[in-house]
Amino acid sequence: MHGKRGNPDEHAKLTEAGFQMTSDTIGDTYYVGPHNFLVWLFEDGTWRSYPEYPCEGSLDAYLAHIEASLPVF
């Protein structure tokens, strides 16, 4: 199953968190974020990440987890 562009709210949250949407040559769409975190959003409303999120949660919780784990310069 290929990823898709997020709905306007998801897309805005991801881009505000420093993610950029991209598509590969086989049509998979995903978001590349800080330190090469990856997020795929799917038509059925589910999502996955790489590296995998350590616990179940919402996309908002995942973005908060990433923000908290990034080094501060």
PDB file of N, CA and C in Angstrom:
ATOM      1  N   MET A   1       0.855  -1.167   0.000  1.00  0.00           N
ATOM      2  CA  MET A   1       0.000   0.000   0.000  1.00  0.00           C
ATOM      3  C   MET A   1       0.908   1.239   0.000  1.00  0.00           C
ATOM      4  N   HIS A   2       0.641   2.133  -0.935  1.00  0.00           N
ATOM      5  CA  HIS A   2       1.423   3.368  -1.032  1.00  0.00           C
ATOM      6  C   HIS A   2       0.861   4.439  -0.099  1.00  0.00           C
ATOM      7  N   GLY A   3       1.757   5.293   0.365  1.00  0.00           N
ATOM      8  CA  GLY A   3       1.346   6.437   1.154  1.00  0.00           C
ATOM      9  C   GLY A   3       0.699   7.491   0.273  1.00  0.00           C
ATOM     10  N   LYS A   4       0.081   8.466   0.921  1.00  0.00           N
ATOM     11  CA  LYS A   4      -0.603   9.548   0.202  1.00  0.00           C
ATOM     12  C   LYS A   4      -0.291  10.877   0.869  1.00  0.00           C
ATOM     13  N   ARG A   5      -0.631  11.953   0.185  1.00  0.00           N
ATOM     14  CA  ARG A   5      -0.536  13.286   0.788  1.00  0.00           C
ATOM     15  C   ARG A   5      -1.560  13.351   1.914  1.00  0.00           C
ATOM     16  N   GLY A   6      -1.162  13.941   3.020  1.00  0.00           N
ATOM     17  CA  GLY A   6      -2.075  14.082   4.140  1.00  0.00           C
ATOM     18  C   GLY A   6      -3.197  15.056   3.839  1.00  0.00           C
ATOM     19  N   ASN A   7      -4.263  14.975   4.629  1.00  0.00           N
ATOM     20  CA  ASN A   7      -5.321  15.965   4.481  1.00  0.00           C
ATOM     21  C   ASN A   7      -4.724  17.319   4.870  1.00  0.00           C
ATOM     22  N   PRO A   8      -5.424  18.415   4.633  1.00  0.00           N
ATOM     23  CA  PRO A   8      -4.825  19.731   4.911  1.00  0.00           C
ATOM     24  C   PRO A   8      -4.278  19.881   6.331  1.00  0.00           C
ATOM     25  N   ASP A   9      -4.986  19.341   7.333  1.00  0.00           N
ATOM     26  CA  ASP A   9      -4.538  19.452   8.717  1.00  0.00           C
ATOM     27  C   ASP A   9      -3.261  18.627   8.949  1.00  0.00           C
ATOM     28  N   GLU A  10      -3.244  17.377   8.471  1.00  0.00           N
ATOM     29  CA  GLU A  10      -2.062  16.522   8.622  1.00  0.00           C
ATOM     30  C   GLU A  10      -0.861  17.123   7.898  1.00  0.00           C
ATOM     31  N   HIS A  11      -1.098  17.567   6.671  1.00  0.00           N
ATOM     32  CA  HIS A  11      -0.012  18.142   5.870  1.00  0.00           C
ATOM     33  C   HIS A  11       0.580  19.374   6.576  1.00  0.00           C
ATOM     34  N   ALA A  12      -0.286  20.231   7.102  1.00  0.00           N
ATOM     35  CA  ALA A  12       0.183  21.436   7.792  1.00  0.00           C
ATOM     36  C   ALA A  12       0.996  21.069   9.033  1.00  0.00           C
ATOM     37  N   LYS A  13       0.514  20.115   9.818  1.00  0.00           N
ATOM     38  CA  LYS A  13       1.241  19.703  11.032  1.00  0.00           C
ATOM     39  C   LYS A  13       2.609  19.141  10.688  1.00  0.00           C
ATOM     40  N   LEU A  14       2.666  18.315   9.652  1.00  0.00           N
ATOM     41  CA  LEU A  14       3.946  17.725   9.262  1.00  0.00           C
ATOM     42  C   LEU A  14       4.910  18.782   8.736  1.00  0.00           C
ATOM     43  N   THR A  15       4.442  19.674   7.888  1.00  0.00           N
ATOM     44  CA  THR A  15       5.347  20.691   7.358  1.00  0.00           C
ATOM     45  C   THR A  15       5.791  21.660   8.452  1.00  0.00           C
ATOM     46  N   GLU A  16       4.916  21.984   9.381  1.00  0.00           N
ATOM     47  CA  GLU A  16       5.303  22.849  10.504  1.00  0.00           C
ATOM     48  C   GLU A  16       6.348  22.180  11.392  1.00  0.00           C
ATOM     49  N   ALA A  17       6.345  20.840  11.411  1.00  0.00           N
ATOM     50  CA  ALA A  17       7.319  20.087  12.201  1.00  0.00           C
ATOM     51  C   ALA A  17       8.620  19.848  11.430  1.00  0.00           C
ATOM     52  N   GLY A  18       8.721  20.419  10.223  1.00  0.00           N
ATOM     53  CA  GLY A  18       9.953  20.306   9.446  1.00  0.00           C
ATOM     54  C   GLY A  18       9.974  19.170   8.445  1.00  0.00           C
ATOM     55  N   PHE A  19       8.835  18.542   8.192  1.00  0.00           N
ATOM     56  CA  PHE A  19       8.762  17.456   7.215  1.00  0.00           C
ATOM     57  C   PHE A  19       8.475  18.026   5.824  1.00  0.00           C
ATOM     58  N   GLN A  20       9.003  17.337   4.814  1.00  0.00           N
ATOM     59  CA  GLN A  20       8.714  17.689   3.429  1.00  0.00           C
ATOM     60  C   GLN A  20       8.119  16.471   2.739  1.00  0.00           C
ATOM     61  N   MET A  21       7.046  16.694   1.990  1.00  0.00           N
ATOM     62  CA  MET A  21       6.410  15.614   1.262  1.00  0.00           C
ATOM     63  C   MET A  21       7.228  15.294   0.008  1.00  0.00           C
ATOM     64  N   THR A  22       7.333  14.005  -0.289  1.00  0.00           N
ATOM     65  CA  THR A  22       8.027  13.577  -1.497  1.00  0.00           C
ATOM     66  C   THR A  22       7.349  12.327  -2.038  1.00  0.00           C
ATOM     67  N   SER A  23       7.603  12.028  -3.291  1.00  0.00           N
ATOM     68  CA  SER A  23       7.099  10.804  -3.919  1.00  0.00           C
ATOM     69  C   SER A  23       8.249  10.130  -4.623  1.00  0.00           C
ATOM     70  N   ASP A  24       8.231   8.799  -4.624  1.00  0.00           N
ATOM     71  CA  ASP A  24       9.287   8.079  -5.325  1.00  0.00           C
ATOM     72  C   ASP A  24       8.813   7.666  -6.717  1.00  0.00           C
ATOM     73  N   THR A  25       9.653   6.961  -7.429  1.00  0.00           N
ATOM     74  CA  THR A  25       9.369   6.618  -8.828  1.00  0.00           C
ATOM     75  C   THR A  25       8.252   5.598  -8.990  1.00  0.00           C
ATOM     76  N   ILE A  26       7.869   4.900  -7.921  1.00  0.00           N
ATOM     77  CA  ILE A  26       6.772   3.935  -8.037  1.00  0.00           C
ATOM     78  C   ILE A  26       5.457   4.483  -7.492  1.00  0.00           C
ATOM     79  N   GLY A  27       5.443   5.782  -7.152  1.00  0.00           N
ATOM     80  CA  GLY A  27       4.210   6.433  -6.737  1.00  0.00           C
ATOM     81  C   GLY A  27       3.934   6.438  -5.250  1.00  0.00           C
ATOM     82  N   ASP A  28       4.894   6.025  -4.454  1.00  0.00           N
ATOM     83  CA  ASP A  28       4.721   6.076  -3.009  1.00  0.00           C
ATOM     84  C   ASP A  28       4.981   7.504  -2.533  1.00  0.00           C
ATOM     85  N   THR A  29       4.067   8.044  -1.747  1.00  0.00           N
ATOM     86  CA  THR A  29       4.194   9.401  -1.213  1.00  0.00           C
ATOM     87  C   THR A  29       4.408   9.311   0.285  1.00  0.00           C
ATOM     88  N   TYR A  30       5.365  10.069   0.774  1.00  0.00           N
ATOM     89  CA  TYR A  30       5.685  10.051   2.199  1.00  0.00           C
ATOM     90  C   TYR A  30       6.330  11.369   2.574  1.00  0.00           C
ATOM     91  N   TYR A  31       6.561  11.546   3.867  1.00  0.00           N
ATOM     92  CA  TYR A  31       7.132  12.776   4.388  1.00  0.00           C
ATOM     93  C   TYR A  31       8.498  12.474   5.000  1.00  0.00           C
ATOM     94  N   VAL A  32       9.483  13.301   4.665  1.00  0.00           N
ATOM     95  CA  VAL A  32      10.829  13.183   5.207  1.00  0.00           C
ATOM     96  C   VAL A  32      11.027  14.332   6.186  1.00  0.00           C
ATOM     97  N   GLY A  33      11.418  13.975   7.402  1.00  0.00           N
ATOM     98  CA  GLY A  33      11.530  14.983   8.442  1.00  0.00           C
ATOM     99  C   GLY A  33      12.932  15.136   8.982  1.00  0.00           C
ATOM    100  N   PRO A  34      13.034  15.870  10.071  1.00  0.00           N
ATOM    101  CA  PRO A  34      14.329  16.098  10.709  1.00  0.00           C
ATOM    102  C   PRO A  34      15.025  14.771  11.014  1.00  0.00           C
ATOM    103  N   HIS A  35      16.322  14.752  10.791  1.00  0.00           N
ATOM    104  CA  HIS A  35      17.143  13.565  11.063  1.00  0.00           C
ATOM    105  C   HIS A  35      16.625  12.327  10.341  1.00  0.00           C
ATOM    106  N   ASN A  36      16.037  12.535   9.162  1.00  0.00           N
ATOM    107  CA  ASN A  36      15.542  11.461   8.295  1.00  0.00           C
ATOM    108  C   ASN A  36      14.435  10.615   8.899  1.00  0.00           C
ATOM    109  N   PHE A  37      13.634  11.192   9.791  1.00  0.00           N
ATOM    110  CA  PHE A  37      12.414  10.515  10.214  1.00  0.00           C
ATOM    111  C   PHE A  37      11.491  10.465   8.996  1.00  0.00           C
ATOM    112  N   LEU A  38      10.785   9.369   8.817  1.00  0.00           N
ATOM    113  CA  LEU A  38       9.869   9.204   7.692  1.00  0.00           C
ATOM    114  C   LEU A  38       8.472   8.912   8.211  1.00  0.00           C
ATOM    115  N   VAL A  39       7.465   9.463   7.521  1.00  0.00           N
ATOM    116  CA  VAL A  39       6.063   9.213   7.870  1.00  0.00           C
ATOM    117  C   VAL A  39       5.286   8.915   6.596  1.00  0.00           C
ATOM    118  N   TRP A  40       4.516   7.829   6.627  1.00  0.00           N
ATOM    119  CA  TRP A  40       3.594   7.480   5.553  1.00  0.00           C
ATOM    120  C   TRP A  40       2.179   7.614   6.089  1.00  0.00           C
ATOM    121  N   LEU A  41       1.306   8.239   5.328  1.00  0.00           N
ATOM    122  CA  LEU A  41      -0.114   8.346   5.653  1.00  0.00           C
ATOM    123  C   LEU A  41      -0.874   7.524   4.624  1.00  0.00           C
ATOM    124  N   PHE A  42      -1.880   6.773   5.075  1.00  0.00           N
ATOM    125  CA  PHE A  42      -2.589   5.876   4.180  1.00  0.00           C
ATOM    126  C   PHE A  42      -4.062   6.240   4.048  1.00  0.00           C
ATOM    127  N   GLU A  43      -4.661   5.791   2.942  1.00  0.00           N
ATOM    128  CA  GLU A  43      -6.064   6.090   2.630  1.00  0.00           C
ATOM    129  C   GLU A  43      -7.016   5.656   3.733  1.00  0.00           C
ATOM    130  N   ASP A  44      -6.694   4.594   4.456  1.00  0.00           N
ATOM    131  CA  ASP A  44      -7.600   4.093   5.481  1.00  0.00           C
ATOM    132  C   ASP A  44      -7.483   4.849   6.810  1.00  0.00           C
ATOM    133  N   GLY A  45      -6.701   5.943   6.834  1.00  0.00           N
ATOM    134  CA  GLY A  45      -6.560   6.758   8.027  1.00  0.00           C
ATOM    135  C   GLY A  45      -5.440   6.331   8.955  1.00  0.00           C
ATOM    136  N   THR A  46      -4.737   5.251   8.621  1.00  0.00           N
ATOM    137  CA  THR A  46      -3.613   4.819   9.437  1.00  0.00           C
ATOM    138  C   THR A  46      -2.342   5.493   8.963  1.00  0.00           C
ATOM    139  N   TRP A  47      -1.288   5.340   9.740  1.00  0.00           N
ATOM    140  CA  TRP A  47       0.001   5.903   9.378  1.00  0.00           C
ATOM    141  C   TRP A  47       1.083   5.014   9.969  1.00  0.00           C
ATOM    142  N   ARG A  48       2.297   5.154   9.447  1.00  0.00           N
ATOM    143  CA  ARG A  48       3.442   4.471  10.037  1.00  0.00           C
ATOM    144  C   ARG A  48       4.647   5.375   9.893  1.00  0.00           C
ATOM    145  N   SER A  49       5.671   5.047  10.660  1.00  0.00           N
ATOM    146  CA  SER A  49       6.865   5.878  10.650  1.00  0.00           C
ATOM    147  C   SER A  49       8.106   5.021  10.623  1.00  0.00           C
ATOM    148  N   TYR A  50       9.188   5.642  10.244  1.00  0.00           N
ATOM    149  CA  TYR A  50      10.503   5.032  10.360  1.00  0.00           C
ATOM    150  C   TYR A  50      11.438   6.084  10.921  1.00  0.00           C
ATOM    151  N   PRO A  51      12.169   5.806  11.988  1.00  0.00           N
ATOM    152  CA  PRO A  51      12.040   4.573  12.755  1.00  0.00           C
ATOM    153  C   PRO A  51      10.652   4.472  13.368  1.00  0.00           C
ATOM    154  N   GLU A  52      10.276   3.235  13.692  1.00  0.00           N
ATOM    155  CA  GLU A  52       8.937   3.022  14.226  1.00  0.00           C
ATOM    156  C   GLU A  52       8.746   3.782  15.527  1.00  0.00           C
ATOM    157  N   TYR A  53       7.551   4.314  15.694  1.00  0.00           N
ATOM    158  CA  TYR A  53       7.170   5.014  16.920  1.00  0.00           C
ATOM    159  C   TYR A  53       7.144   3.969  18.040  1.00  0.00           C
ATOM    160  N   PRO A  54       7.751   4.267  19.184  1.00  0.00           N
ATOM    161  CA  PRO A  54       7.897   3.251  20.220  1.00  0.00           C
ATOM    162  C   PRO A  54       6.601   2.802  20.900  1.00  0.00           C
ATOM    163  N   CYS A  55       5.520   3.499  20.688  1.00  0.00           N
ATOM    164  CA  CYS A  55       4.246   3.070  21.255  1.00  0.00           C
ATOM    165  C   CYS A  55       3.126   3.553  20.354  1.00  0.00           C
ATOM    166  N   GLU A  56       1.952   2.971  20.550  1.00  0.00           N
ATOM    167  CA  GLU A  56       0.816   3.383  19.733  1.00  0.00           C
ATOM    168  C   GLU A  56       0.415   4.810  20.087  1.00  0.00           C
ATOM    169  N   GLY A  57      -0.027   5.535  19.109  1.00  0.00           N
ATOM    170  CA  GLY A  57      -0.469   6.890  19.392  1.00  0.00           C
ATOM    171  C   GLY A  57      -0.874   7.623  18.134  1.00  0.00           C
ATOM    172  N   SER A  58      -1.287   8.826  18.333  1.00  0.00           N
ATOM    173  CA  SER A  58      -1.727   9.665  17.237  1.00  0.00           C
ATOM    174  C   SER A  58      -0.528  10.295  16.532  1.00  0.00           C
ATOM    175  N   LEU A  59      -0.783  10.842  15.386  1.00  0.00           N
ATOM    176  CA  LEU A  59       0.254  11.568  14.661  1.00  0.00           C
ATOM    177  C   LEU A  59       0.727  12.757  15.496  1.00  0.00           C
ATOM    178  N   ASP A  60      -0.176  13.426  16.196  1.00  0.00           N
ATOM    179  CA  ASP A  60       0.204  14.543  17.069  1.00  0.00           C
ATOM    180  C   ASP A  60       1.178  14.083  18.149  1.00  0.00           C
ATOM    181  N   ALA A  61       0.903  12.929  18.756  1.00  0.00           N
ATOM    182  CA  ALA A  61       1.798  12.399  19.798  1.00  0.00           C
ATOM    183  C   ALA A  61       3.158  12.055  19.212  1.00  0.00           C
ATOM    184  N   TYR A  62       3.157  11.518  18.006  1.00  0.00           N
ATOM    185  CA  TYR A  62       4.416  11.186  17.344  1.00  0.00           C
ATOM    186  C   TYR A  62       5.242  12.439  17.084  1.00  0.00           C
ATOM    187  N   LEU A  63       4.614  13.481  16.568  1.00  0.00           N
ATOM    188  CA  LEU A  63       5.334  14.726  16.295  1.00  0.00           C
ATOM    189  C   LEU A  63       5.863  15.345  17.579  1.00  0.00           C
ATOM    190  N   ALA A  64       5.103  15.263  18.665  1.00  0.00           N
ATOM    191  CA  ALA A  64       5.580  15.769  19.960  1.00  0.00           C
ATOM    192  C   ALA A  64       6.768  14.941  20.441  1.00  0.00           C
ATOM    193  N   HIS A  65       6.727  13.640  20.225  1.00  0.00           N
ATOM    194  CA  HIS A  65       7.827  12.745  20.608  1.00  0.00           C
ATOM    195  C   HIS A  65       9.092  13.115  19.838  1.00  0.00           C
ATOM    196  N   ILE A  66       8.958  13.348  18.545  1.00  0.00           N
ATOM    197  CA  ILE A  66      10.124  13.725  17.732  1.00  0.00           C
ATOM    198  C   ILE A  66      10.685  15.059  18.226  1.00  0.00           C
ATOM    199  N   GLU A  67       9.826  16.034  18.412  1.00  0.00           N
ATOM    200  CA  GLU A  67      10.285  17.353  18.859  1.00  0.00           C
ATOM    201  C   GLU A  67      11.048  17.249  20.191  1.00  0.00           C
ATOM    202  N   ALA A  68      10.540  16.430  21.099  1.00  0.00           N
ATOM    203  CA  ALA A  68      11.188  16.273  22.406  1.00  0.00           C
ATOM    204  C   ALA A  68      12.524  15.528  22.308  1.00  0.00           C
ATOM    205  N   SER A  69      12.671  14.698  21.280  1.00  0.00           N
ATOM    206  CA  SER A  69      13.888  13.879  21.173  1.00  0.00           C
ATOM    207  C   SER A  69      14.998  14.538  20.360  1.00  0.00           C
ATOM    208  N   LEU A  70      14.700  15.631  19.652  1.00  0.00           N
ATOM    209  CA  LEU A  70      15.705  16.281  18.828  1.00  0.00           C
ATOM    210  C   LEU A  70      16.669  17.092  19.701  1.00  0.00           C
ATOM    211  N   PRO A  71      17.937  17.094  19.344  1.00  0.00           N
ATOM    212  CA  PRO A  71      18.886  17.893  20.121  1.00  0.00           C
ATOM    213  C   PRO A  71      18.606  19.386  19.951  1.00  0.00           C
ATOM    214  N   VAL A  72      18.869  20.129  20.997  1.00  0.00           N
ATOM    215  CA  VAL A  72      18.685  21.582  20.969  1.00  0.00           C
ATOM    216  C   VAL A  72      20.059  22.206  20.746  1.00  0.00           C
ATOM    217  N   PHE A  73      20.140  23.102  19.770  1.00  0.00           N
ATOM    218  CA  PHE A  73      21.412  23.762  19.462  1.00  0.00           C
ATOM    219  C   PHE A  73      21.400  25.184  19.925  1.00  0.00           C
TER     220      PHE A  73
END
